[in-house]
Protein backbone atom coordinates (compact mmCIF):
# COMPACT_ATOMS: atom_id res chain seq x y z
CA UNK A 1 -127.40 -63.90 91.74
CA UNK A 2 -125.83 -61.79 94.46
CA UNK A 3 -126.63 -61.73 98.16
CA UNK A 4 -125.74 -59.18 100.78
CA UNK A 5 -124.85 -61.28 103.81
CA UNK A 6 -126.74 -60.30 106.91
CA UNK A 7 -125.12 -59.93 110.29
CA UNK A 8 -127.24 -60.12 113.41
CA UNK A 9 -126.24 -57.91 116.32
CA UNK A 10 -126.83 -59.86 119.50
CA UNK A 11 -128.57 -58.00 122.27
CA UNK A 12 -130.32 -59.16 125.44
CA UNK A 13 -133.55 -59.98 123.54
CA UNK A 14 -131.64 -62.35 121.26
CA UNK A 15 -129.84 -63.94 124.19
CA UNK A 16 -133.16 -64.53 125.98
CA UNK A 17 -134.77 -66.00 122.84
CA UNK A 18 -131.77 -68.28 122.27
CA UNK A 19 -132.28 -69.65 125.81
CA UNK A 20 -136.06 -69.94 125.32
CA UNK A 21 -135.57 -71.90 122.10
CA UNK A 22 -133.04 -74.23 123.72
CA UNK A 23 -135.40 -74.85 126.64
CA UNK A 24 -138.54 -75.39 124.54
CA UNK A 25 -139.89 -78.95 124.62
CA UNK A 26 -140.30 -79.98 120.97
CA UNK A 27 -142.74 -82.88 121.35
CA UNK A 28 -144.55 -82.64 118.01
CA UNK A 29 -143.34 -83.67 114.53
CA UNK A 30 -143.77 -80.17 113.13
CA UNK A 31 -144.77 -76.67 114.16
CA UNK A 32 -146.14 -73.74 112.21
CA UNK A 33 -145.16 -70.24 113.22
CA UNK A 34 -145.41 -66.79 111.73
CA UNK A 35 -144.17 -63.36 112.54
CA UNK A 36 -145.14 -59.97 111.23
CA UNK A 37 -143.78 -56.48 111.64
CA UNK A 38 -145.82 -53.49 110.63
CA UNK A 39 -144.65 -50.20 112.09
CA UNK A 40 -144.69 -46.58 111.10
CA UNK A 41 -142.77 -43.95 112.99
CA UNK A 42 -141.59 -40.51 111.97
CA UNK A 43 -141.70 -41.20 108.25
CA UNK A 44 -139.92 -44.56 108.40
CA UNK A 45 -142.08 -47.61 107.84
CA UNK A 46 -141.29 -51.27 108.41
CA UNK A 47 -143.18 -54.19 106.95
CA UNK A 48 -142.40 -57.88 106.69
CA UNK A 49 -144.18 -61.16 107.28
CA UNK A 50 -142.62 -64.64 107.50
CA UNK A 51 -144.33 -68.04 107.74
CA UNK A 52 -142.23 -71.01 108.83
CA UNK A 53 -142.79 -74.71 109.37
CA UNK A 54 -140.30 -76.21 111.81
CA UNK A 55 -139.88 -79.96 111.45
CA UNK A 56 -138.51 -81.78 114.47
CA UNK A 57 -136.03 -84.37 113.17
CA UNK A 58 -135.98 -86.10 116.57
CA UNK A 59 -132.26 -86.75 116.72
CA UNK A 60 -129.39 -85.14 118.55
CA UNK A 61 -126.94 -84.62 115.69
CA UNK A 62 -127.61 -80.89 115.77
CA UNK A 63 -128.17 -80.62 112.01
CA UNK A 64 -130.18 -77.66 110.80
CA UNK A 65 -131.52 -77.60 107.24
CA UNK A 66 -133.42 -74.88 105.43
CA UNK A 67 -135.92 -75.00 102.59
CA UNK A 68 -137.04 -71.88 100.70
CA UNK A 69 -140.59 -72.58 99.48
CA UNK A 70 -141.70 -69.00 98.89
CA UNK A 71 -142.79 -67.36 95.67
CA UNK A 72 -140.85 -64.22 94.77
CA UNK A 73 -144.04 -62.15 94.85
CA UNK A 74 -144.53 -63.11 98.51
CA UNK A 75 -140.96 -62.55 99.75
CA UNK A 76 -138.26 -61.58 97.24
CA UNK A 77 -135.24 -63.88 97.26
CA UNK A 78 -133.07 -60.96 98.42
CA UNK A 79 -134.46 -61.51 101.94
CA UNK A 80 -133.52 -65.21 102.08
CA UNK A 81 -130.19 -64.56 103.80
CA UNK A 82 -131.59 -62.29 106.51
CA UNK A 83 -134.31 -64.83 107.36
CA UNK A 84 -131.95 -67.82 107.41
CA UNK A 85 -129.25 -65.91 109.32
CA UNK A 86 -131.77 -64.81 111.96
CA UNK A 87 -132.97 -68.40 112.44
CA UNK A 88 -129.39 -69.71 112.55
CA UNK A 89 -128.47 -67.14 115.20
CA UNK A 90 -131.37 -68.19 117.42
CA UNK A 91 -130.98 -71.99 117.06
CA UNK A 92 -127.21 -72.32 116.70
CA UNK A 93 -126.59 -73.72 120.19
CA UNK A 94 -129.42 -76.24 120.08
CA UNK A 95 -128.25 -79.86 120.01
CA UNK A 96 -131.51 -80.94 118.35
CA UNK A 97 -131.94 -81.35 114.59
CA UNK A 98 -134.54 -79.35 112.67
CA UNK A 99 -135.63 -78.54 109.18
CA UNK A 100 -136.86 -74.97 108.78
CA UNK A 101 -139.22 -74.57 105.84
CA UNK A 102 -139.86 -70.95 104.92
CA UNK A 103 -143.28 -71.39 103.31
CA UNK A 104 -144.79 -67.95 102.95
CA UNK A 105 -144.99 -64.35 103.93
CA UNK A 106 -145.41 -60.96 102.42
CA UNK A 107 -143.49 -57.79 101.69
CA UNK A 108 -144.14 -54.21 100.63
CA UNK A 109 -142.13 -52.72 97.78
CA UNK A 110 -141.43 -49.51 99.72
CA UNK A 111 -141.66 -50.41 103.41
CA UNK A 112 -139.85 -53.76 103.48
CA UNK A 113 -136.20 -53.77 104.46
CA UNK A 114 -133.70 -56.32 105.73
CA UNK A 115 -134.32 -55.26 109.33
CA UNK A 116 -138.09 -55.74 108.81
CA UNK A 117 -137.54 -59.37 107.90
CA UNK A 118 -135.10 -59.90 110.75
CA UNK A 119 -137.75 -58.63 113.16
CA UNK A 120 -140.52 -60.69 111.54
CA UNK A 121 -138.39 -63.85 111.72
CA UNK A 122 -137.49 -63.12 115.35
CA UNK A 123 -141.19 -62.77 116.11
CA UNK A 124 -142.05 -66.03 114.33
CA UNK A 125 -139.58 -68.00 116.45
CA UNK A 126 -140.70 -66.06 119.55
CA UNK A 127 -144.30 -67.05 118.85
CA UNK A 128 -143.25 -70.68 118.42
CA UNK A 129 -141.56 -70.97 121.81
CA UNK A 130 -143.85 -68.59 123.72
CA UNK A 131 -141.20 -65.90 124.19
CA UNK A 132 -142.56 -62.44 125.11
CA UNK A 133 -142.28 -60.61 121.81
CA UNK A 134 -142.94 -57.24 123.42
CA UNK A 135 -139.21 -57.25 124.22
CA UNK A 136 -138.47 -56.93 120.49
CA UNK A 137 -137.29 -53.44 119.60
């Protein structure tokens, strides 16, 4: 199996979400969040949906673990790296430990692209911490 490694380009929206995630008070054992992108503009369509359970490990080791629990007909495995890389970019500086379980989502055979899943993942984490997702481009 081959993966194309995804690289996130940090902009001000990412920087603000990184701060919002670091400042969020994780008081519960786990959180469910989802993000969806569905856009059409000048012939180019974007579609992606990601569903994530974030488990608060309640320690300060800073460990981050990931679990891919998604059927290939929901999100093809080719999008695993973009989803994980987007989460890692947002949570990298957090001193807290979490397990991120990617548990569902959806794709479109024509309109889904790597950028669609980056945006959907960004929105999922934004929804979790109450970040204003209208800043997402």
